[in-house]
Amino acid sequence: MKFRSKVDKVLEVALITILSIMVLNVLWQVTTRFIMGNPSSFTDELARYLMIWLGVLGAAYVSGKNMHVAIDILPQQFSLETQKKFKFVVFSMVILFAFFAFFIGGLRLVYITYTLNQYSPGMQMPLAAIYFVIPLSGLLIVYYKISDILNLK
């Protein structure tokens, strides 16, 4: 459980940092556009990529905290033992989805954009670096759900 707390803390710091950079970036964009009259060329693209990272990593964080949207009316009708079995099935399905869609699919996307040598138009950043958040988030979700399965008591 100690390791999970450390993963949570690193993810929290990363999300706070991303959000802080995004706020400063948008403030700079507004300043250059409306006060200086000469909009900055990279801020719109950077805000878009930071929003992607914030959303995808935020989904992993919320999954780890079990704060995601869930309809739990049906499981509450059953005994505690049946609820544990139900959680096991749900966690297993989340693991399968996160592994194949996020991790495997994300790695494939990163590989393709890396192989094709694709760069973002404004900042000239490799798109593979931007898309790397998808398999990373998938790996985090798989870790969290395996940990949740192991902690079912």
N, C-alpha and C. Protein backbone atom coordinates (compact mmCIF):
# COMPACT_ATOMS: atom_id res chain seq x y z
N MET A 1 0.83 -1.20 0.00
CA MET A 1 0.00 0.00 0.00
C MET A 1 0.87 1.26 0.00
N LYS A 2 2.08 1.12 0.52
CA LYS A 2 2.99 2.25 0.56
C LYS A 2 3.32 2.74 -0.86
N PHE A 3 3.58 1.78 -1.76
CA PHE A 3 3.92 2.13 -3.14
C PHE A 3 2.77 2.86 -3.81
N ARG A 4 1.54 2.41 -3.55
CA ARG A 4 0.36 3.05 -4.14
C ARG A 4 0.25 4.50 -3.68
N SER A 5 0.54 4.76 -2.43
CA SER A 5 0.51 6.13 -1.91
C SER A 5 1.54 7.00 -2.62
N LYS A 6 2.70 6.43 -2.89
CA LYS A 6 3.74 7.18 -3.61
C LYS A 6 3.32 7.46 -5.05
N VAL A 7 2.69 6.48 -5.69
CA VAL A 7 2.18 6.68 -7.05
C VAL A 7 1.12 7.78 -7.04
N ASP A 8 0.22 7.73 -6.06
CA ASP A 8 -0.81 8.76 -5.93
C ASP A 8 -0.18 10.15 -5.79
N LYS A 9 0.83 10.25 -4.94
CA LYS A 9 1.48 11.53 -4.68
C LYS A 9 2.16 12.08 -5.93
N VAL A 10 2.87 11.21 -6.65
CA VAL A 10 3.53 11.63 -7.89
C VAL A 10 2.50 12.10 -8.90
N LEU A 11 1.41 11.36 -9.01
CA LEU A 11 0.34 11.74 -9.95
C LEU A 11 -0.32 13.05 -9.54
N GLU A 12 -0.54 13.24 -8.25
CA GLU A 12 -1.13 14.49 -7.77
C GLU A 12 -0.23 15.68 -8.12
N VAL A 13 1.06 15.54 -7.85
CA VAL A 13 2.01 16.62 -8.14
C VAL A 13 2.05 16.90 -9.65
N ALA A 14 2.05 15.84 -10.45
CA ALA A 14 2.07 16.01 -11.91
C ALA A 14 0.82 16.74 -12.39
N LEU A 15 -0.34 16.36 -11.87
CA LEU A 15 -1.59 17.01 -12.29
C LEU A 15 -1.64 18.47 -11.86
N ILE A 16 -1.18 18.75 -10.65
CA ILE A 16 -1.15 20.15 -10.18
C ILE A 16 -0.19 20.97 -11.02
N THR A 17 0.95 20.40 -11.35
CA THR A 17 1.94 21.09 -12.18
C THR A 17 1.40 21.36 -13.57
N ILE A 18 0.77 20.36 -14.17
CA ILE A 18 0.20 20.53 -15.51
C ILE A 18 -0.87 21.62 -15.50
N LEU A 19 -1.74 21.59 -14.50
CA LEU A 19 -2.80 22.60 -14.42
C LEU A 19 -2.21 23.99 -14.20
N SER A 20 -1.18 24.10 -13.38
CA SER A 20 -0.54 25.39 -13.13
C SER A 20 0.10 25.94 -14.40
N ILE A 21 0.80 25.08 -15.12
CA ILE A 21 1.41 25.52 -16.38
C ILE A 21 0.33 25.93 -17.37
N MET A 22 -0.76 25.19 -17.38
CA MET A 22 -1.85 25.52 -18.30
C MET A 22 -2.46 26.88 -17.98
N VAL A 23 -2.65 27.17 -16.70
CA VAL A 23 -3.20 28.47 -16.30
C VAL A 23 -2.25 29.60 -16.70
N LEU A 24 -0.96 29.44 -16.41
CA LEU A 24 0.02 30.46 -16.80
C LEU A 24 0.09 30.63 -18.31
N ASN A 25 0.00 29.53 -19.02
CA ASN A 25 0.03 29.57 -20.48
C ASN A 25 -1.16 30.34 -21.04
N VAL A 26 -2.33 30.07 -20.53
CA VAL A 26 -3.54 30.77 -21.01
C VAL A 26 -3.49 32.24 -20.62
N LEU A 27 -3.00 32.54 -19.42
CA LEU A 27 -2.84 33.95 -19.03
C LEU A 27 -1.88 34.67 -19.98
N TRP A 28 -0.79 34.02 -20.35
CA TRP A 28 0.16 34.60 -21.29
C TRP A 28 -0.50 34.81 -22.66
N GLN A 29 -1.31 33.85 -23.06
CA GLN A 29 -2.00 33.95 -24.34
C GLN A 29 -2.95 35.15 -24.35
N VAL A 30 -3.71 35.31 -23.29
CA VAL A 30 -4.64 36.45 -23.19
C VAL A 30 -3.86 37.76 -23.16
N THR A 31 -2.77 37.79 -22.40
CA THR A 31 -1.96 39.00 -22.31
C THR A 31 -1.39 39.39 -23.66
N THR A 32 -0.80 38.43 -24.37
CA THR A 32 -0.20 38.76 -25.66
C THR A 32 -1.26 39.13 -26.70
N ARG A 33 -2.43 38.55 -26.61
CA ARG A 33 -3.47 38.81 -27.60
C ARG A 33 -4.15 40.15 -27.37
N PHE A 34 -4.57 40.41 -26.14
CA PHE A 34 -5.40 41.59 -25.90
C PHE A 34 -4.63 42.81 -25.39
N ILE A 35 -3.53 42.61 -24.69
CA ILE A 35 -2.79 43.75 -24.16
C ILE A 35 -1.68 44.17 -25.12
N MET A 36 -0.92 43.19 -25.60
CA MET A 36 0.18 43.51 -26.50
C MET A 36 -0.25 43.58 -27.97
N GLY A 37 -1.39 42.99 -28.29
CA GLY A 37 -1.89 43.03 -29.65
C GLY A 37 -1.17 42.10 -30.62
N ASN A 38 -0.28 41.25 -30.10
CA ASN A 38 0.47 40.33 -30.95
C ASN A 38 0.42 38.95 -30.30
N PRO A 39 -0.58 38.10 -30.68
CA PRO A 39 -0.75 36.82 -29.99
C PRO A 39 0.45 35.90 -30.14
N SER A 40 0.75 35.21 -29.05
CA SER A 40 1.85 34.24 -29.04
C SER A 40 1.46 33.05 -29.91
N SER A 41 2.41 32.52 -30.64
CA SER A 41 2.10 31.49 -31.63
C SER A 41 1.98 30.08 -31.04
N PHE A 42 2.61 29.80 -29.92
CA PHE A 42 2.63 28.43 -29.41
C PHE A 42 1.60 28.17 -28.32
N THR A 43 1.02 29.21 -27.74
CA THR A 43 0.21 29.03 -26.53
C THR A 43 -1.06 28.21 -26.77
N ASP A 44 -1.70 28.39 -27.91
CA ASP A 44 -2.92 27.65 -28.20
C ASP A 44 -2.63 26.15 -28.28
N GLU A 45 -1.57 25.81 -28.97
CA GLU A 45 -1.20 24.40 -29.12
C GLU A 45 -0.76 23.80 -27.78
N LEU A 46 0.02 24.54 -27.02
CA LEU A 46 0.47 24.05 -25.72
C LEU A 46 -0.73 23.82 -24.79
N ALA A 47 -1.69 24.74 -24.79
CA ALA A 47 -2.88 24.57 -23.96
C ALA A 47 -3.65 23.31 -24.35
N ARG A 48 -3.73 23.05 -25.64
CA ARG A 48 -4.43 21.86 -26.13
C ARG A 48 -3.74 20.59 -25.65
N TYR A 49 -2.42 20.53 -25.75
CA TYR A 49 -1.68 19.34 -25.35
C TYR A 49 -1.69 19.17 -23.83
N LEU A 50 -1.61 20.26 -23.09
CA LEU A 50 -1.69 20.16 -21.64
C LEU A 50 -3.07 19.67 -21.19
N MET A 51 -4.11 20.09 -21.92
CA MET A 51 -5.47 19.64 -21.61
C MET A 51 -5.60 18.13 -21.84
N ILE A 52 -4.98 17.64 -22.89
CA ILE A 52 -4.99 16.20 -23.15
C ILE A 52 -4.31 15.46 -22.00
N TRP A 53 -3.11 15.91 -21.62
CA TRP A 53 -2.39 15.27 -20.53
C TRP A 53 -3.18 15.34 -19.22
N LEU A 54 -3.78 16.49 -18.95
CA LEU A 54 -4.55 16.66 -17.72
C LEU A 54 -5.75 15.71 -17.70
N GLY A 55 -6.45 15.62 -18.81
CA GLY A 55 -7.63 14.76 -18.86
C GLY A 55 -7.31 13.28 -18.76
N VAL A 56 -6.29 12.84 -19.49
CA VAL A 56 -5.97 11.40 -19.51
C VAL A 56 -5.31 10.97 -18.20
N LEU A 57 -4.37 11.76 -17.70
CA LEU A 57 -3.77 11.42 -16.40
C LEU A 57 -4.78 11.58 -15.26
N GLY A 58 -5.67 12.56 -15.40
CA GLY A 58 -6.72 12.75 -14.40
C GLY A 58 -7.65 11.54 -14.35
N ALA A 59 -7.92 10.94 -15.50
CA ALA A 59 -8.75 9.73 -15.53
C ALA A 59 -8.07 8.59 -14.78
N ALA A 60 -6.77 8.46 -14.94
CA ALA A 60 -6.04 7.42 -14.21
C ALA A 60 -6.08 7.69 -12.70
N TYR A 61 -5.90 8.96 -12.33
CA TYR A 61 -5.92 9.33 -10.92
C TYR A 61 -7.29 9.03 -10.29
N VAL A 62 -8.34 9.43 -10.99
CA VAL A 62 -9.70 9.20 -10.49
C VAL A 62 -9.98 7.70 -10.39
N SER A 63 -9.49 6.94 -11.35
CA SER A 63 -9.65 5.49 -11.31
C SER A 63 -8.95 4.91 -10.08
N GLY A 64 -7.77 5.43 -9.77
CA GLY A 64 -7.04 4.96 -8.61
C GLY A 64 -7.71 5.30 -7.30
N LYS A 65 -8.43 6.40 -7.28
CA LYS A 65 -9.14 6.82 -6.06
C LYS A 65 -10.56 6.25 -6.00
N ASN A 66 -10.93 5.49 -7.03
CA ASN A 66 -12.29 4.93 -7.14
C ASN A 66 -13.36 6.01 -7.00
N MET A 67 -13.11 7.14 -7.63
CA MET A 67 -14.05 8.26 -7.59
C MET A 67 -14.76 8.44 -8.94
N HIS A 68 -14.59 7.48 -9.84
CA HIS A 68 -15.19 7.59 -11.15
C HIS A 68 -16.70 7.39 -11.05
N VAL A 69 -17.40 7.79 -12.08
CA VAL A 69 -18.84 7.67 -12.11
C VAL A 69 -19.20 6.19 -12.11
N ALA A 70 -20.11 5.82 -11.22
CA ALA A 70 -20.54 4.42 -11.14
C ALA A 70 -22.01 4.37 -10.75
N ILE A 71 -22.71 3.43 -11.33
CA ILE A 71 -24.09 3.18 -10.94
C ILE A 71 -24.07 1.96 -10.04
N ASP A 72 -24.32 2.19 -8.77
CA ASP A 72 -24.18 1.10 -7.80
C ASP A 72 -25.51 0.67 -7.17
N ILE A 73 -26.61 0.98 -7.83
CA ILE A 73 -27.92 0.58 -7.29
C ILE A 73 -28.06 -0.93 -7.30
N LEU A 74 -27.70 -1.57 -8.41
CA LEU A 74 -27.82 -3.01 -8.53
C LEU A 74 -26.93 -3.76 -7.54
N PRO A 75 -25.63 -3.46 -7.46
CA PRO A 75 -24.78 -4.21 -6.51
C PRO A 75 -25.20 -4.07 -5.06
N GLN A 76 -25.79 -2.95 -4.68
CA GLN A 76 -26.20 -2.75 -3.29
C GLN A 76 -27.32 -3.69 -2.86
N GLN A 77 -28.01 -4.28 -3.82
CA GLN A 77 -29.11 -5.18 -3.52
C GLN A 77 -28.63 -6.59 -3.10
N PHE A 78 -27.35 -6.85 -3.31
CA PHE A 78 -26.81 -8.19 -3.06
C PHE A 78 -26.01 -8.24 -1.76
N SER A 79 -25.65 -9.45 -1.38
CA SER A 79 -24.84 -9.65 -0.18
C SER A 79 -23.43 -9.10 -0.40
N LEU A 80 -22.67 -8.97 0.69
CA LEU A 80 -21.31 -8.45 0.59
C LEU A 80 -20.42 -9.35 -0.27
N GLU A 81 -20.62 -10.65 -0.15
CA GLU A 81 -19.82 -11.60 -0.93
C GLU A 81 -20.11 -11.44 -2.43
N THR A 82 -21.36 -11.26 -2.78
CA THR A 82 -21.73 -11.05 -4.19
C THR A 82 -21.22 -9.71 -4.68
N GLN A 83 -21.24 -8.71 -3.81
CA GLN A 83 -20.71 -7.39 -4.19
C GLN A 83 -19.21 -7.49 -4.50
N LYS A 84 -18.47 -8.28 -3.74
CA LYS A 84 -17.04 -8.48 -4.00
C LYS A 84 -16.82 -9.15 -5.35
N LYS A 85 -17.65 -10.15 -5.65
CA LYS A 85 -17.55 -10.83 -6.94
C LYS A 85 -17.88 -9.86 -8.08
N PHE A 86 -18.87 -9.04 -7.85
CA PHE A 86 -19.26 -8.05 -8.85
C PHE A 86 -18.13 -7.05 -9.08
N LYS A 87 -17.51 -6.59 -7.99
CA LYS A 87 -16.37 -5.67 -8.12
C LYS A 87 -15.22 -6.33 -8.86
N PHE A 88 -14.98 -7.61 -8.58
CA PHE A 88 -13.92 -8.34 -9.27
C PHE A 88 -14.16 -8.35 -10.77
N VAL A 89 -15.39 -8.62 -11.17
CA VAL A 89 -15.74 -8.65 -12.59
C VAL A 89 -15.56 -7.26 -13.21
N VAL A 90 -16.04 -6.23 -12.53
CA VAL A 90 -15.92 -4.86 -13.04
C VAL A 90 -14.46 -4.45 -13.13
N PHE A 91 -13.67 -4.70 -12.09
CA PHE A 91 -12.25 -4.35 -12.12
C PHE A 91 -11.52 -5.10 -13.24
N SER A 92 -11.88 -6.37 -13.43
CA SER A 92 -11.26 -7.15 -14.49
C SER A 92 -11.58 -6.58 -15.86
N MET A 93 -12.81 -6.15 -16.06
CA MET A 93 -13.18 -5.54 -17.34
C MET A 93 -12.45 -4.22 -17.56
N VAL A 94 -12.29 -3.45 -16.51
CA VAL A 94 -11.54 -2.19 -16.62
C VAL A 94 -10.08 -2.49 -16.96
N ILE A 95 -9.51 -3.50 -16.34
CA ILE A 95 -8.12 -3.88 -16.63
C ILE A 95 -7.98 -4.27 -18.10
N LEU A 96 -8.88 -5.08 -18.59
CA LEU A 96 -8.82 -5.51 -19.99
C LEU A 96 -8.93 -4.31 -20.93
N PHE A 97 -9.88 -3.43 -20.65
CA PHE A 97 -10.06 -2.26 -21.52
C PHE A 97 -8.83 -1.35 -21.46
N ALA A 98 -8.36 -1.05 -20.26
CA ALA A 98 -7.21 -0.15 -20.12
C ALA A 98 -5.97 -0.75 -20.75
N PHE A 99 -5.80 -2.06 -20.62
CA PHE A 99 -4.61 -2.70 -21.18
C PHE A 99 -4.65 -2.67 -22.71
N PHE A 100 -5.75 -3.10 -23.28
CA PHE A 100 -5.79 -3.21 -24.74
C PHE A 100 -6.02 -1.86 -25.43
N ALA A 101 -6.93 -1.04 -24.92
CA ALA A 101 -7.23 0.23 -25.58
C ALA A 101 -6.19 1.30 -25.27
N PHE A 102 -5.89 1.48 -24.00
CA PHE A 102 -4.96 2.55 -23.61
C PHE A 102 -3.51 2.13 -23.81
N PHE A 103 -3.13 1.01 -23.19
CA PHE A 103 -1.72 0.64 -23.20
C PHE A 103 -1.27 0.14 -24.57
N ILE A 104 -1.88 -0.93 -25.07
CA ILE A 104 -1.47 -1.49 -26.35
C ILE A 104 -1.78 -0.51 -27.49
N GLY A 105 -3.01 0.02 -27.51
CA GLY A 105 -3.37 0.98 -28.56
C GLY A 105 -2.55 2.25 -28.48
N GLY A 106 -2.29 2.72 -27.26
CA GLY A 106 -1.48 3.92 -27.07
C GLY A 106 -0.04 3.71 -27.50
N LEU A 107 0.52 2.56 -27.17
CA LEU A 107 1.89 2.25 -27.61
C LEU A 107 1.97 2.20 -29.13
N ARG A 108 0.94 1.64 -29.74
CA ARG A 108 0.91 1.58 -31.20
C ARG A 108 0.86 2.98 -31.80
N LEU A 109 0.03 3.86 -31.21
CA LEU A 109 -0.06 5.25 -31.68
C LEU A 109 1.28 5.96 -31.52
N VAL A 110 1.92 5.78 -30.37
CA VAL A 110 3.23 6.39 -30.13
C VAL A 110 4.25 5.87 -31.14
N TYR A 111 4.25 4.58 -31.36
CA TYR A 111 5.19 3.98 -32.31
C TYR A 111 4.97 4.51 -33.73
N ILE A 112 3.71 4.59 -34.16
CA ILE A 112 3.41 5.06 -35.52
C ILE A 112 3.83 6.51 -35.68
N THR A 113 3.49 7.36 -34.71
CA THR A 113 3.86 8.78 -34.84
C THR A 113 5.37 8.97 -34.75
N TYR A 114 6.02 8.11 -33.98
CA TYR A 114 7.49 8.18 -33.90
C TYR A 114 8.12 7.72 -35.22
N THR A 115 7.63 6.61 -35.74
CA THR A 115 8.16 6.07 -37.00
C THR A 115 7.94 7.03 -38.17
N LEU A 116 6.78 7.67 -38.19
CA LEU A 116 6.48 8.61 -39.27
C LEU A 116 7.12 9.98 -39.04
N ASN A 117 7.80 10.11 -37.89
CA ASN A 117 8.52 11.35 -37.58
C ASN A 117 7.60 12.57 -37.62
N GLN A 118 6.44 12.45 -36.95
CA GLN A 118 5.45 13.52 -36.95
C GLN A 118 5.73 14.51 -35.82
N TYR A 119 5.60 15.78 -36.16
CA TYR A 119 5.81 16.87 -35.20
C TYR A 119 4.59 17.76 -35.15
N SER A 120 4.38 18.41 -34.00
CA SER A 120 3.28 19.36 -33.89
C SER A 120 3.61 20.58 -34.74
N PRO A 121 2.58 21.19 -35.33
CA PRO A 121 2.86 22.29 -36.26
C PRO A 121 3.43 23.55 -35.61
N GLY A 122 2.96 23.91 -34.43
CA GLY A 122 3.39 25.17 -33.82
C GLY A 122 4.67 25.09 -33.02
N MET A 123 4.79 24.07 -32.20
CA MET A 123 5.92 23.97 -31.29
C MET A 123 7.01 23.04 -31.80
N GLN A 124 6.74 22.31 -32.87
CA GLN A 124 7.69 21.35 -33.43
C GLN A 124 8.12 20.30 -32.41
N MET A 125 7.17 19.86 -31.59
CA MET A 125 7.40 18.78 -30.64
C MET A 125 7.04 17.46 -31.29
N PRO A 126 7.76 16.39 -31.00
CA PRO A 126 7.36 15.09 -31.54
C PRO A 126 5.99 14.68 -30.99
N LEU A 127 5.07 14.31 -31.87
CA LEU A 127 3.74 13.91 -31.43
C LEU A 127 3.80 12.64 -30.58
N ALA A 128 4.83 11.83 -30.77
CA ALA A 128 4.98 10.63 -29.95
C ALA A 128 5.11 11.00 -28.48
N ALA A 129 5.81 12.09 -28.18
CA ALA A 129 5.96 12.53 -26.78
C ALA A 129 4.62 12.99 -26.22
N ILE A 130 3.82 13.61 -27.05
CA ILE A 130 2.51 14.09 -26.59
C ILE A 130 1.57 12.91 -26.37
N TYR A 131 1.59 11.94 -27.27
CA TYR A 131 0.70 10.79 -27.16
C TYR A 131 1.16 9.77 -26.14
N PHE A 132 2.36 9.91 -25.61
CA PHE A 132 2.89 8.96 -24.64
C PHE A 132 2.03 8.88 -23.38
N VAL A 133 1.24 9.90 -23.12
CA VAL A 133 0.40 9.92 -21.93
C VAL A 133 -0.67 8.81 -21.99
N ILE A 134 -1.05 8.39 -23.18
CA ILE A 134 -2.11 7.37 -23.30
C ILE A 134 -1.64 6.02 -22.75
N PRO A 135 -0.52 5.45 -23.23
CA PRO A 135 -0.10 4.17 -22.62
C PRO A 135 0.31 4.32 -21.15
N LEU A 136 0.86 5.47 -20.79
CA LEU A 136 1.22 5.71 -19.39
C LEU A 136 -0.02 5.66 -18.51
N SER A 137 -1.07 6.31 -18.93
CA SER A 137 -2.32 6.30 -18.18
C SER A 137 -2.92 4.90 -18.12
N GLY A 138 -2.85 4.18 -19.24
CA GLY A 138 -3.35 2.80 -19.25
C GLY A 138 -2.62 1.93 -18.26
N LEU A 139 -1.31 2.09 -18.20
CA LEU A 139 -0.50 1.33 -17.25
C LEU A 139 -0.88 1.67 -15.81
N LEU A 140 -1.11 2.94 -15.54
CA LEU A 140 -1.52 3.35 -14.20
C LEU A 140 -2.89 2.77 -13.83
N ILE A 141 -3.83 2.80 -14.76
CA ILE A 141 -5.16 2.25 -14.48
C ILE A 141 -5.07 0.75 -14.22
N VAL A 142 -4.29 0.04 -15.02
CA VAL A 142 -4.11 -1.41 -14.81
C VAL A 142 -3.51 -1.65 -13.43
N TYR A 143 -2.49 -0.88 -13.07
CA TYR A 143 -1.87 -1.03 -11.75
C TYR A 143 -2.90 -0.81 -10.63
N TYR A 144 -3.66 0.29 -10.74
CA TYR A 144 -4.64 0.61 -9.70
C TYR A 144 -5.69 -0.49 -9.56
N LYS A 145 -6.18 -0.99 -10.67
CA LYS A 145 -7.25 -1.99 -10.60
C LYS A 145 -6.74 -3.34 -10.13
N ILE A 146 -5.50 -3.70 -10.50
CA ILE A 146 -4.92 -4.94 -9.95
C ILE A 146 -4.75 -4.79 -8.44
N SER A 147 -4.31 -3.63 -8.02
CA SER A 147 -4.18 -3.36 -6.59
C SER A 147 -5.53 -3.44 -5.89
N ASP A 148 -6.57 -2.91 -6.53
CA ASP A 148 -7.92 -2.99 -5.95
C ASP A 148 -8.40 -4.43 -5.84
N ILE A 149 -8.12 -5.24 -6.86
CA ILE A 149 -8.50 -6.66 -6.81
C ILE A 149 -7.79 -7.37 -5.67
N LEU A 150 -6.50 -7.08 -5.51
CA LEU A 150 -5.73 -7.73 -4.44
C LEU A 150 -6.21 -7.29 -3.05
N ASN A 151 -6.82 -6.11 -2.97
CA ASN A 151 -7.29 -5.60 -1.68
C ASN A 151 -8.75 -5.90 -1.41
N LEU A 152 -9.40 -6.64 -2.31
CA LEU A 152 -10.80 -7.04 -2.04
C LEU A 152 -10.82 -8.00 -0.86
N LYS A 153 -11.54 -7.62 0.18
CA LYS A 153 -11.60 -8.48 1.38
C LYS A 153 -13.02 -8.71 1.78
